């Protein structure tokens, strides 16, 4: 079972539970499993057995179904759906403007999928991605402390635990009172271009540079461009 599928199953259980206003303990009691089992499945760090998964879903009035789809079809569908959403709405979801305002004079550049989004590529973005210089890491740490930051703990698949400082081992990903932030630590800030949206100016890493320096974003951009070139079904030329 792939890591992606484990995460999808865990997210599905969590969404179903929260939609019914159940706590993990309540769901565990209904399904006849331990709360720790529910927590591990929802975090995606345990491969659930089929009987356990069926018990959890049955306790919430649901059942497991299995389907086969072309590889990465889920990603194509997500890109198509994101392309229909207004940019302003997606930026609001990210709390991007608020985060940038609160960062004050901390030097940064918008990079990754966030930069691509601002340049018209509707890629999936979980949190703003900023390039920040190593020599500004102490300033970043002070800001994180004031913003009640919590570092991402990959071991437990949740925020909290690791030291805030970027120099400490761990992903450069924090949750703050202003939303989540992801940092790409670098010696010097990358070259940027200015993009304006809604009366605001953003300094973003250009797409041509992301194609070369950011493999994950480059792969998403390639997928998006392929989708733009792919013939639309249901359309017949006259």
Protein backbone atom coordinates (compact mmCIF):
# COMPACT_ATOMS: atom_id res chain seq x y z
CA UNK A 1 0.00 0.00 0.00
CA UNK A 2 1.47 3.35 -1.00
CA UNK A 3 2.13 6.18 1.43
CA UNK A 4 -0.25 8.36 -0.58
CA UNK A 5 -3.08 5.84 -0.17
CA UNK A 6 -2.44 5.56 3.56
CA UNK A 7 -2.72 9.34 3.86
CA UNK A 8 -5.94 9.37 1.82
CA UNK A 9 -7.49 6.68 4.04
CA UNK A 10 -6.48 8.54 7.18
CA UNK A 11 -7.83 11.83 5.87
CA UNK A 12 -11.10 10.15 4.87
CA UNK A 13 -11.62 8.70 8.36
CA UNK A 14 -10.86 12.08 9.96
CA UNK A 15 -13.20 13.98 7.62
CA UNK A 16 -16.03 11.51 8.19
CA UNK A 17 -15.52 11.66 11.96
CA UNK A 18 -15.39 15.48 12.09
CA UNK A 19 -18.46 15.80 9.83
CA UNK A 20 -20.37 13.84 12.48
CA UNK A 21 -18.94 15.89 15.38
CA UNK A 22 -17.34 12.81 16.93
CA UNK A 23 -14.16 12.81 18.99
CA UNK A 24 -11.53 10.16 18.38
CA UNK A 25 -12.49 8.53 21.67
CA UNK A 26 -16.17 8.42 20.74
CA UNK A 27 -15.44 6.88 17.35
CA UNK A 28 -13.10 4.33 18.93
CA UNK A 29 -15.82 3.25 21.37
CA UNK A 30 -18.40 2.93 18.58
CA UNK A 31 -16.02 0.87 16.41
CA UNK A 32 -14.60 -1.25 19.21
CA UNK A 33 -10.98 -0.14 18.73
CA UNK A 34 -8.59 1.94 20.81
CA UNK A 35 -8.35 5.72 20.54
CA UNK A 36 -4.64 5.30 19.76
CA UNK A 37 -5.58 3.20 16.72
CA UNK A 38 -7.90 5.93 15.43
CA UNK A 39 -5.22 8.58 15.99
CA UNK A 40 -2.51 6.60 14.17
CA UNK A 41 -4.78 5.88 11.21
CA UNK A 42 -5.85 9.52 10.91
CA UNK A 43 -2.21 10.68 11.06
CA UNK A 44 -1.36 8.31 8.22
CA UNK A 45 1.47 6.61 10.07
CA UNK A 46 -0.27 3.24 10.32
CA UNK A 47 -1.53 1.05 7.50
CA UNK A 48 -5.08 0.21 8.61
CA UNK A 49 -6.32 -3.35 8.28
CA UNK A 50 -9.41 -3.77 6.12
CA UNK A 51 -11.52 -5.04 9.07
CA UNK A 52 -10.48 -2.05 11.23
CA UNK A 53 -11.23 0.39 8.43
CA UNK A 54 -14.61 -1.22 7.74
CA UNK A 55 -15.45 -1.08 11.47
CA UNK A 56 -14.61 2.62 11.68
CA UNK A 57 -16.64 3.51 8.60
CA UNK A 58 -19.57 1.26 9.59
CA UNK A 59 -19.68 2.99 12.99
CA UNK A 60 -20.28 6.23 11.08
CA UNK A 61 -22.87 4.74 8.72
CA UNK A 62 -20.50 4.34 5.79
CA UNK A 63 -18.67 1.62 3.92
CA UNK A 64 -15.45 1.20 1.98
CA UNK A 65 -15.55 1.11 -1.81
CA UNK A 66 -12.64 0.40 -4.15
CA UNK A 67 -12.06 1.89 -7.61
CA UNK A 68 -9.20 1.95 -10.09
CA UNK A 69 -8.23 5.15 -11.92
CA UNK A 70 -5.42 6.07 -14.31
CA UNK A 71 -2.16 6.97 -12.55
CA UNK A 72 -2.22 10.59 -11.31
CA UNK A 73 -5.81 11.08 -12.50
CA UNK A 74 -6.55 12.50 -9.04
CA UNK A 75 -3.92 15.18 -9.65
CA UNK A 76 -5.36 16.09 -13.05
CA UNK A 77 -8.81 16.41 -11.48
CA UNK A 78 -7.44 18.58 -8.68
CA UNK A 79 -5.65 20.90 -11.11
CA UNK A 80 -8.80 21.22 -13.20
CA UNK A 81 -10.85 22.06 -10.12
CA UNK A 82 -8.32 24.60 -8.82
CA UNK A 83 -8.31 26.35 -12.21
CA UNK A 84 -11.97 27.27 -11.65
CA UNK A 85 -11.33 29.06 -8.35
CA UNK A 86 -10.59 32.83 -8.32
CA UNK A 87 -7.02 33.71 -7.37
CA UNK A 88 -8.20 36.17 -4.71
CA UNK A 89 -10.14 33.37 -3.00
CA UNK A 90 -7.15 31.06 -2.93
CA UNK A 91 -4.86 33.79 -1.57
CA UNK A 92 -7.39 34.43 1.19
CA UNK A 93 -7.37 30.73 2.05
CA UNK A 94 -3.58 30.91 2.40
CA UNK A 95 -3.68 34.08 4.54
CA UNK A 96 -0.82 35.22 2.31
CA UNK A 97 -1.32 38.98 2.60
CA UNK A 98 -1.74 38.85 6.36
CA UNK A 99 1.37 36.69 6.73
CA UNK A 100 3.49 38.99 4.56
CA UNK A 101 2.31 42.04 6.47
CA UNK A 102 3.17 40.43 9.80
CA UNK A 103 6.64 39.39 8.64
CA UNK A 104 7.53 43.09 8.48
CA UNK A 105 11.11 43.73 7.39
CA UNK A 106 12.19 40.06 7.30
CA UNK A 107 13.74 39.69 3.80
CA UNK A 108 12.00 37.02 1.75
CA UNK A 109 10.89 36.00 -1.73
CA UNK A 110 7.78 34.01 -2.65
CA UNK A 111 8.79 30.71 -4.19
CA UNK A 112 7.53 27.23 -5.00
CA UNK A 113 3.93 26.52 -5.91
CA UNK A 114 2.89 29.79 -4.24
CA UNK A 115 4.98 31.75 -6.75
CA UNK A 116 3.55 29.68 -9.61
CA UNK A 117 0.02 30.36 -8.38
CA UNK A 118 0.62 34.11 -8.40
CA UNK A 119 1.87 33.81 -12.00
CA UNK A 120 -1.29 32.12 -13.22
CA UNK A 121 -0.60 28.39 -12.71
CA UNK A 122 -3.35 27.06 -10.40
CA UNK A 123 -1.18 24.55 -8.56
CA UNK A 124 -2.17 23.01 -5.21
CA UNK A 125 -0.68 25.05 -2.35
CA UNK A 126 -1.04 23.96 1.28
CA UNK A 127 0.83 26.91 2.77
CA UNK A 128 2.81 29.98 1.60
CA UNK A 129 6.36 29.08 0.55
CA UNK A 130 9.03 31.71 1.16
CA UNK A 131 12.76 31.79 0.42
CA UNK A 132 14.63 33.12 3.46
CA UNK A 133 18.38 33.63 3.86
CA UNK A 134 20.32 31.64 6.44
CA UNK A 135 21.79 34.84 7.84
CA UNK A 136 18.25 35.98 8.66
CA UNK A 137 17.40 32.78 10.52
CA UNK A 138 17.75 34.41 13.96
CA UNK A 139 15.29 37.11 12.90
CA UNK A 140 12.93 34.41 11.62
CA UNK A 141 13.20 32.54 14.93
CA UNK A 142 12.36 35.68 16.93
CA UNK A 143 9.35 36.26 14.70
CA UNK A 144 8.20 32.67 15.14
CA UNK A 145 8.44 32.99 18.92
CA UNK A 146 6.27 36.13 18.89
CA UNK A 147 3.82 34.45 16.49
CA UNK A 148 3.44 31.40 18.78
CA UNK A 149 5.06 29.21 16.15
CA UNK A 150 5.12 25.42 16.28
CA UNK A 151 7.54 23.37 14.19
CA UNK A 152 6.28 20.46 12.07
CA UNK A 153 7.04 17.11 13.68
CA UNK A 154 7.38 14.58 10.84
CA UNK A 155 7.71 11.70 13.30
CA UNK A 156 4.27 12.29 14.77
CA UNK A 157 2.77 13.89 11.65
CA UNK A 158 1.64 16.98 13.58
CA UNK A 159 2.87 20.38 14.76
CA UNK A 160 4.76 20.75 18.03
CA UNK A 161 7.88 19.28 19.56
CA UNK A 162 10.97 20.19 17.48
CA UNK A 163 12.90 23.38 18.18
CA UNK A 164 11.79 26.45 16.23
CA UNK A 165 15.23 27.41 14.95
CA UNK A 166 15.79 26.64 11.24
CA UNK A 167 19.28 25.40 12.12
CA UNK A 168 17.77 22.53 14.09
CA UNK A 169 17.00 19.35 12.14
CA UNK A 170 13.53 18.96 10.69
CA UNK A 171 11.34 20.36 7.94
CA UNK A 172 11.29 24.14 7.59
CA UNK A 173 7.57 24.27 8.23
CA UNK A 174 5.79 26.08 11.03
CA UNK A 175 2.24 26.83 12.17
CA UNK A 176 1.76 30.34 13.55
CA UNK A 177 -1.08 32.55 14.72
CA UNK A 178 -1.08 34.01 11.21
CA UNK A 179 -1.28 30.68 9.42
CA UNK A 180 1.21 28.09 8.25
CA UNK A 181 4.53 29.06 6.68
CA UNK A 182 7.09 26.98 4.79
CA UNK A 183 10.62 28.24 4.27
CA UNK A 184 13.29 27.45 1.73
CA UNK A 185 16.50 28.43 3.49
CA UNK A 186 19.20 29.74 1.14
CA UNK A 187 22.49 31.67 1.16
CA UNK A 188 21.08 34.43 -1.06
CA UNK A 189 17.55 35.25 -2.11
CA UNK A 190 16.75 34.14 -5.66
CA UNK A 191 16.08 36.57 -8.48
CA UNK A 192 12.46 37.67 -8.52
CA UNK A 193 9.93 39.40 -10.74
CA UNK A 194 7.13 41.69 -9.62
CA UNK A 195 3.56 40.45 -9.91
CA UNK A 196 0.58 42.66 -9.08
CA UNK A 197 -2.78 41.39 -7.96
CA UNK A 198 -5.66 43.19 -6.27
CA UNK A 199 -3.67 46.40 -5.90
CA UNK A 200 -0.78 44.61 -4.17
CA UNK A 201 2.74 43.87 -5.41
CA UNK A 202 4.44 40.50 -4.83
CA UNK A 203 8.08 39.56 -5.40
CA UNK A 204 8.04 36.03 -6.82
CA UNK A 205 10.55 33.59 -8.26
CA UNK A 206 9.80 33.40 -12.03
CA UNK A 207 8.41 30.20 -13.54
CA UNK A 208 11.47 29.64 -15.72
CA UNK A 209 13.63 29.50 -12.59
CA UNK A 210 11.21 27.24 -10.72
CA UNK A 211 11.40 24.82 -13.64
CA UNK A 212 15.12 24.46 -13.00
CA UNK A 213 15.52 24.77 -9.23
CA UNK A 214 12.33 23.30 -7.72
CA UNK A 215 11.67 19.69 -8.85
CA UNK A 216 8.32 19.35 -7.07
CA UNK A 217 6.90 22.58 -8.47
CA UNK A 218 8.41 21.83 -11.89
CA UNK A 219 6.61 18.46 -11.96
CA UNK A 220 3.30 20.14 -11.09
CA UNK A 221 3.86 22.82 -13.73
CA UNK A 222 4.59 20.13 -16.32
CA UNK A 223 1.40 18.31 -15.36
CA UNK A 224 -0.63 21.52 -15.57
CA UNK A 225 0.81 22.44 -18.98
CA UNK A 226 0.12 18.95 -20.30
CA UNK A 227 -3.48 19.32 -19.18
CA UNK A 228 -3.77 22.64 -21.02
CA UNK A 229 -2.62 21.00 -24.25
CA UNK A 230 -4.73 17.86 -23.88
CA UNK A 231 -7.85 17.83 -26.12
CA UNK A 232 -11.08 18.47 -24.22
CA UNK A 233 -13.52 15.56 -24.31
CA UNK A 234 -16.96 16.22 -25.67
CA UNK A 235 -15.80 18.89 -28.11
CA UNK A 236 -16.29 18.18 -31.80
CA UNK A 237 -15.08 20.63 -34.45
CA UNK A 238 -17.63 21.78 -37.00
